Amino acid sequence: MTASASFANPGGAPFALATPFIDAHQHFWDLDRHRYPWLQEAPVPNFRYGDYSALRRNYLPADYARDTAGCAPVKTVHVEAEWERAHPVDETAWLDTLAGTHGRPTAIVGHAQLDRDDVAAVLAGHAAYGRMRGIRNKPATAVRREDARRGQPGSMDDPRWRRGYALLARHGMSFDLQAPWWHLDQAAELARDFPQTQLVLNHTGLPADRSAAGLDGWRRAMATLARAPNVAVKISGLGLPGRPWTRADNVPVIRDTIAIFGAERCMFASNYPVDSLVAPYATILAGFVAAIAIFPEAQQRALLHDNAARIYRLQD
């Protein structure tokens, strides 16, 4: 499987990537043809990177190819991009056509509102597409740690939401979870109660608070979740508002995540183009490669490629 690629590291010398890699989290959108309320209507409050007006433009395979020039992944996983919620299967149909034409994405994580009355039909609609692998539905969460409460409607505790979650196993679908770390106690119970469903934590558990106390809380929450063997984590979304992506900020977080979950349950993901707000693609990739350079070659290959291929069933 070994291959060699060399590409520029912005702000430094070129470096060689000795293995092909998979991007486990990227997005496309076409604002001319489809409706994405968060990109076309009022801005989302409390967006974690602040002003995201630069994202209010089409982002299609040609744009991704431009951004990954010289450092392109061999495969990608597209995660739902908050397409208009009334017709979530239409996004999967569009992406499937896009992939047939452009070769991207390799696999699709679609959207289903798990507490909707029609969730069974929505999941069956997604399952009709061969590139479909799983679902992301952002559960109800609190913006601030001190406001977190258990048992809220639409949360991972909600029995109605959980009934929808239980249907994922019928189709062999995984679940992508985006929630701040102060809700990972709920996620740990969810993973425990549904051991047949692969849960993939998005964006490293969102460790936005980099104070000593914030990182300590994040580590403890991640360790609680890591006890469930059916949980993996995508190392992505590590930008901080108002500052560029740096190794000084993020390499310790990357290494802590791998130490907590193990090299067999972590994977690289770019979150592009959202994370273009904080760094060029090559900067994020180069930072990840630098962070994992302390691990044996087999573990580096797993972190960059093999784990994503196994978890999202991307084997040739």
Protein backbone atom coordinates (compact mmCIF):
# COMPACT_ATOMS: atom_id res chain seq x y z
CA MET A 1 0.00 0.00 0.00
CA THR A 2 2.98 2.29 0.49
CA ALA A 3 3.23 5.25 -1.84
CA SER A 4 5.17 8.47 -1.81
CA ALA A 5 4.01 12.02 -2.24
CA SER A 6 5.74 15.33 -1.68
CA PHE A 7 3.96 18.62 -1.27
CA ALA A 8 4.52 22.08 0.06
CA ASN A 9 3.99 22.87 3.69
CA PRO A 10 2.94 26.54 3.79
CA GLY A 11 5.41 28.46 5.88
CA GLY A 12 8.03 25.71 5.72
CA ALA A 13 9.91 23.25 3.57
CA PRO A 14 8.15 20.63 1.46
CA PHE A 15 7.70 17.29 3.20
CA ALA A 16 7.11 13.76 1.96
CA LEU A 17 4.02 11.79 2.85
CA ALA A 18 5.03 8.16 2.65
CA THR A 19 1.54 6.66 2.52
CA PRO A 20 -1.73 7.49 0.78
CA PHE A 21 -4.31 9.03 3.05
CA ILE A 22 -8.08 9.32 3.36
CA ASP A 23 -9.95 12.49 4.23
CA ALA A 24 -12.70 11.24 6.54
CA HIS A 25 -14.70 14.47 6.69
CA GLN A 26 -15.30 16.95 3.86
CA HIS A 27 -18.23 18.84 2.33
CA PHE A 28 -19.59 19.99 -1.02
CA TRP A 29 -22.40 22.44 -1.72
CA ASP A 30 -23.96 24.10 -4.75
CA LEU A 31 -25.77 27.25 -3.67
CA ASP A 32 -27.02 27.90 -7.19
CA ARG A 33 -29.05 24.68 -7.29
CA HIS A 34 -29.82 23.65 -3.72
CA ARG A 35 -30.88 25.21 -0.43
CA TYR A 36 -28.56 25.37 2.57
CA PRO A 37 -30.16 27.69 5.13
CA TRP A 38 -26.99 28.24 7.17
CA LEU A 39 -25.18 29.47 4.03
CA GLN A 40 -27.99 31.38 2.36
CA GLU A 41 -30.07 32.84 5.17
CA ALA A 42 -29.33 34.45 8.54
CA PRO A 43 -25.91 33.53 9.96
CA VAL A 44 -25.82 30.78 12.58
CA PRO A 45 -25.27 32.30 16.05
CA ASN A 46 -22.26 31.12 18.05
CA PHE A 47 -20.52 29.61 15.01
CA ARG A 48 -17.30 28.24 16.47
CA TYR A 49 -14.98 30.07 14.06
CA GLY A 50 -16.87 33.35 14.20
CA ASP A 51 -17.50 35.06 10.85
CA TYR A 52 -17.99 32.41 8.17
CA SER A 53 -19.13 34.63 5.31
CA ALA A 54 -16.22 33.33 3.19
CA LEU A 55 -18.03 29.99 2.98
CA ARG A 56 -21.09 31.48 1.30
CA ARG A 57 -20.06 30.34 -2.17
CA ASN A 58 -20.23 27.13 -4.14
CA TYR A 59 -17.80 24.43 -3.10
CA LEU A 60 -17.59 21.58 -5.59
CA PRO A 61 -15.07 18.89 -6.59
CA ALA A 62 -13.05 21.35 -8.69
CA ASP A 63 -12.69 23.63 -5.66
CA TYR A 64 -11.60 20.73 -3.46
CA ALA A 65 -9.11 19.65 -6.14
CA ARG A 66 -7.66 23.17 -6.14
CA ASP A 67 -7.37 23.24 -2.35
CA THR A 68 -5.72 19.80 -2.22
CA ALA A 69 -3.39 20.28 -5.19
CA GLY A 70 -0.20 18.38 -4.43
CA CYS A 71 -1.70 16.78 -1.31
CA ALA A 72 -4.87 15.07 -2.47
CA PRO A 73 -6.36 12.15 -0.55
CA VAL A 74 -6.98 8.87 -2.32
CA LYS A 75 -10.55 8.72 -0.95
CA THR A 76 -12.95 11.00 0.90
CA VAL A 77 -16.00 10.75 3.12
CA HIS A 78 -18.61 13.45 2.58
CA VAL A 79 -20.54 14.41 5.70
CA GLU A 80 -23.92 16.06 5.29
CA ALA A 81 -23.64 19.81 4.79
CA GLU A 82 -26.92 20.92 6.40
CA TRP A 83 -28.90 20.71 3.19
CA GLU A 84 -32.49 21.90 3.57
CA ARG A 85 -33.87 19.50 6.17
CA ALA A 86 -37.23 18.63 4.62
CA HIS A 87 -35.67 16.39 1.95
CA PRO A 88 -32.41 14.88 3.29
CA VAL A 89 -32.27 11.97 0.85
CA ASP A 90 -32.04 14.46 -2.01
CA GLU A 91 -28.58 15.45 -0.79
CA THR A 92 -27.43 11.84 -0.95
CA ALA A 93 -28.86 11.47 -4.46
CA TRP A 94 -27.04 14.62 -5.60
CA LEU A 95 -23.76 13.50 -4.03
CA ASP A 96 -24.06 10.08 -5.59
CA THR A 97 -24.41 11.69 -9.01
CA LEU A 98 -21.50 14.03 -8.27
CA ALA A 99 -19.32 11.08 -7.32
CA GLY A 100 -20.24 9.23 -10.48
CA THR A 101 -19.11 12.21 -12.54
CA HIS A 102 -16.11 13.49 -10.59
CA GLY A 103 -14.91 10.57 -8.45
CA ARG A 104 -15.59 12.52 -5.24
CA PRO A 105 -16.80 11.70 -2.66
CA THR A 106 -16.00 8.03 -2.15
CA ALA A 107 -18.59 7.56 0.58
CA ILE A 108 -21.48 9.53 2.05
CA VAL A 109 -22.70 10.24 5.57
CA GLY A 110 -26.20 11.61 5.15
CA HIS A 111 -28.67 13.37 7.42
CA ALA A 112 -31.76 12.00 9.13
CA GLN A 113 -33.63 13.72 11.93
CA LEU A 114 -33.80 10.79 14.31
CA ASP A 115 -36.85 12.00 16.21
CA ARG A 116 -38.95 12.64 13.09
CA ASP A 117 -42.01 10.50 12.40
CA ASP A 118 -40.67 9.50 8.98
CA VAL A 119 -37.17 8.53 10.11
CA ALA A 120 -37.57 4.88 9.04
CA ALA A 121 -38.49 5.93 5.49
CA VAL A 122 -35.64 8.46 5.37
CA LEU A 123 -33.10 5.86 6.42
CA ALA A 124 -34.43 3.40 3.86
CA GLY A 125 -34.14 6.10 1.20
CA HIS A 126 -30.51 6.75 2.08
CA ALA A 127 -29.75 3.03 2.19
CA ALA A 128 -30.72 2.66 -1.46
CA TYR A 129 -27.44 4.36 -2.44
CA GLY A 130 -24.32 2.21 -2.49
CA ARG A 131 -22.04 5.02 -1.33
CA MET A 132 -24.10 5.60 1.82
CA ARG A 133 -22.30 4.63 5.03
CA GLY A 134 -23.97 6.41 7.92
CA ILE A 135 -25.94 9.29 9.36
CA ARG A 136 -25.15 12.52 11.13
CA ASN A 137 -27.89 14.16 13.18
CA LYS A 138 -26.67 16.83 15.58
CA PRO A 139 -28.51 16.18 18.84
CA ALA A 140 -29.69 18.99 21.10
CA THR A 141 -26.72 20.34 23.08
CA ALA A 142 -25.80 23.30 25.25
CA VAL A 143 -23.51 26.03 23.92
CA ARG A 144 -21.81 26.40 27.32
CA ARG A 145 -20.62 23.71 29.70
CA GLU A 146 -22.46 25.24 32.64
CA ASP A 147 -25.78 25.06 30.76
CA ALA A 148 -25.57 21.34 29.98
CA ARG A 149 -28.54 19.34 31.24
CA ARG A 150 -29.50 15.71 30.89
CA GLY A 151 -32.80 14.54 29.44
CA GLN A 152 -33.53 17.42 27.07
CA PRO A 153 -35.89 16.88 24.08
CA GLY A 154 -33.92 16.05 20.95
CA SER A 155 -30.83 15.10 22.95
CA MET A 156 -29.06 11.75 23.11
CA ASP A 157 -31.14 11.03 26.22
CA ASP A 158 -34.47 11.58 24.49
CA PRO A 159 -36.33 8.23 24.11
CA ARG A 160 -37.88 9.35 20.82
CA TRP A 161 -34.45 10.30 19.41
CA ARG A 162 -33.04 7.00 20.63
CA ARG A 163 -35.77 5.04 18.87
CA GLY A 164 -34.58 6.58 15.61
CA TYR A 165 -30.97 5.80 16.52
CA ALA A 166 -31.90 2.15 17.07
CA LEU A 167 -32.95 1.90 13.40
CA LEU A 168 -29.42 2.55 12.14
CA ALA A 169 -28.41 -1.05 12.83
CA ARG A 170 -31.14 -2.28 10.47
CA HIS A 171 -29.16 -0.76 7.57
CA GLY A 172 -25.65 -1.33 8.93
CA MET A 173 -25.19 2.44 9.25
CA SER A 174 -22.69 4.18 11.48
CA PHE A 175 -23.43 7.40 13.34
CA ASP A 176 -21.38 10.59 13.17
CA LEU A 177 -21.75 12.58 16.37
CA GLN A 178 -21.05 16.30 16.59
CA ALA A 179 -21.40 17.47 20.17
CA PRO A 180 -19.20 19.44 22.58
CA TRP A 181 -17.26 17.40 25.09
CA TRP A 182 -19.54 18.26 28.00
CA HIS A 183 -22.16 15.99 26.43
CA LEU A 184 -19.88 12.99 25.95
CA ASP A 185 -21.28 11.31 29.06
CA GLN A 186 -24.52 10.98 27.07
CA ALA A 187 -22.57 9.67 24.08
CA ALA A 188 -20.84 7.05 26.24
CA GLU A 189 -24.21 5.74 27.41
CA LEU A 190 -25.53 5.79 23.83
CA ALA A 191 -22.57 3.73 22.62
CA ARG A 192 -22.98 1.32 25.52
CA ASP A 193 -26.70 0.85 24.90
CA PHE A 194 -26.29 0.31 21.13
CA PRO A 195 -23.04 -1.69 20.87
CA GLN A 196 -23.80 -2.86 17.33
CA THR A 197 -23.67 0.69 15.95
CA GLN A 198 -20.33 2.31 15.18
CA LEU A 199 -20.23 5.81 16.67
CA VAL A 200 -17.76 8.28 15.16
CA LEU A 201 -17.08 11.40 17.19
CA ASN A 202 -16.62 14.45 14.95
CA HIS A 203 -14.08 17.22 15.36
CA THR A 204 -12.12 15.78 18.27
CA GLY A 205 -14.93 16.48 20.73
CA LEU A 206 -14.70 20.24 20.09
CA PRO A 207 -11.96 21.26 22.57
CA ALA A 208 -12.45 24.99 22.03
CA ASP A 209 -11.45 25.96 25.58
CA ARG A 210 -7.68 25.53 25.66
CA SER A 211 -7.26 26.67 29.26
CA ALA A 212 -5.76 24.10 31.65
CA ALA A 213 -9.18 23.53 33.20
CA GLY A 214 -10.88 23.30 29.81
CA LEU A 215 -8.40 20.75 28.48
CA ASP A 216 -8.60 18.73 31.69
CA GLY A 217 -12.39 18.53 31.37
CA TRP A 218 -12.10 17.60 27.69
CA ARG A 219 -9.57 14.81 28.42
CA ARG A 220 -11.75 13.32 31.13
CA ALA A 221 -14.83 13.42 28.90
CA MET A 222 -12.92 11.83 26.01
CA ALA A 223 -11.61 9.09 28.31
CA THR A 224 -15.16 8.31 29.43
CA LEU A 225 -16.29 7.95 25.82
CA ALA A 226 -13.22 5.93 24.84
CA ARG A 227 -14.24 3.13 27.21
CA ALA A 228 -16.88 2.10 24.66
CA PRO A 229 -15.13 -0.09 22.07
CA ASN A 230 -17.56 0.87 19.30
CA VAL A 231 -16.44 4.53 19.29
CA ALA A 232 -13.87 6.12 16.98
CA VAL A 233 -12.86 9.77 16.60
CA LYS A 234 -12.08 12.03 13.67
CA ILE A 235 -9.23 14.39 14.49
CA SER A 236 -10.47 17.55 12.83
CA GLY A 237 -12.11 20.88 13.55
CA LEU A 238 -9.25 22.05 15.79
CA GLY A 239 -9.17 25.66 14.64
CA LEU A 240 -9.60 28.46 17.15
CA PRO A 241 -11.56 31.65 16.40
CA GLY A 242 -9.51 34.67 15.43
CA ARG A 243 -6.20 32.86 14.99
CA PRO A 244 -4.54 30.63 12.39
CA TRP A 245 -4.16 26.88 12.82
CA THR A 246 -0.76 26.20 14.43
CA ARG A 247 1.13 23.13 15.52
CA ALA A 248 1.79 24.72 18.89
CA ASP A 249 -1.96 24.90 19.51
CA ASN A 250 -2.97 21.57 18.03
CA VAL A 251 -0.22 18.94 18.08
CA PRO A 252 -0.68 18.36 21.86
CA VAL A 253 -4.44 17.93 21.36
CA ILE A 254 -3.88 15.47 18.49
CA ARG A 255 -1.45 13.42 20.57
CA ASP A 256 -3.73 13.47 23.63
CA THR A 257 -6.61 12.18 21.50
CA ILE A 258 -4.53 9.30 20.16
CA ALA A 259 -3.28 8.48 23.65
CA ILE A 260 -6.88 8.30 24.91
CA PHE A 261 -8.47 6.36 22.04
CA GLY A 262 -5.50 4.45 20.69
CA ALA A 263 -4.02 4.67 17.22
CA GLU A 264 -6.51 2.08 15.95
CA ARG A 265 -9.55 4.32 16.58
CA CYS A 266 -8.46 7.76 15.34
CA MET A 267 -8.36 9.14 11.81
CA PHE A 268 -7.39 12.23 9.89
CA ALA A 269 -10.15 14.52 8.62
CA SER A 270 -9.91 18.01 7.12
CA ASN A 271 -13.43 19.41 7.62
CA TYR A 272 -12.88 21.28 4.36
CA PRO A 273 -13.94 23.80 3.31
CA VAL A 274 -15.13 24.86 6.77
CA ASP A 275 -11.61 24.71 8.17
CA SER A 276 -10.35 26.82 5.29
CA LEU A 277 -11.38 29.62 7.66
CA VAL A 278 -8.35 28.78 9.81
CA ALA A 279 -5.74 27.24 7.47
CA PRO A 280 -4.83 25.99 4.01
CA TYR A 281 -5.44 22.27 3.56
CA ALA A 282 -1.73 21.45 3.44
CA THR A 283 -1.12 23.21 6.75
CA ILE A 284 -3.68 21.04 8.55
CA LEU A 285 -2.39 17.86 6.91
CA ALA A 286 1.24 18.74 7.61
CA GLY A 287 0.41 19.45 11.25
CA PHE A 288 -1.30 16.09 11.62
CA VAL A 289 1.61 14.29 9.98
CA ALA A 290 4.04 16.07 12.33
CA ALA A 291 1.92 15.10 15.34
CA ILE A 292 1.90 11.39 14.46
CA ALA A 293 5.58 11.20 13.49
CA ILE A 294 6.36 9.86 16.99
CA PHE A 295 4.37 6.67 16.27
CA PRO A 296 5.54 3.53 14.44
CA GLU A 297 5.00 3.45 10.68
CA ALA A 298 2.13 0.96 10.91
CA GLN A 299 0.26 3.22 13.31
CA GLN A 300 0.88 6.26 11.12
CA ARG A 301 -0.59 4.34 8.19
CA ALA A 302 -3.61 3.39 10.31
CA LEU A 303 -4.19 7.00 11.40
CA LEU A 304 -3.90 8.36 7.88
CA HIS A 305 -5.63 5.63 5.92
CA ASP A 306 -6.44 2.20 7.31
CA ASN A 307 -8.76 3.21 10.15
CA ALA A 308 -10.97 5.33 7.91
CA ALA A 309 -10.98 2.59 5.27
CA ARG A 310 -12.14 0.05 7.86
CA ILE A 311 -14.65 2.22 9.74
CA TYR A 312 -16.28 3.65 6.61
CA ARG A 313 -15.87 0.44 4.61
CA LEU A 314 -13.79 1.99 1.84
CA GLN A 315 -11.76 -1.05 0.88
CA ASP A 316 -11.47 -1.65 -2.85
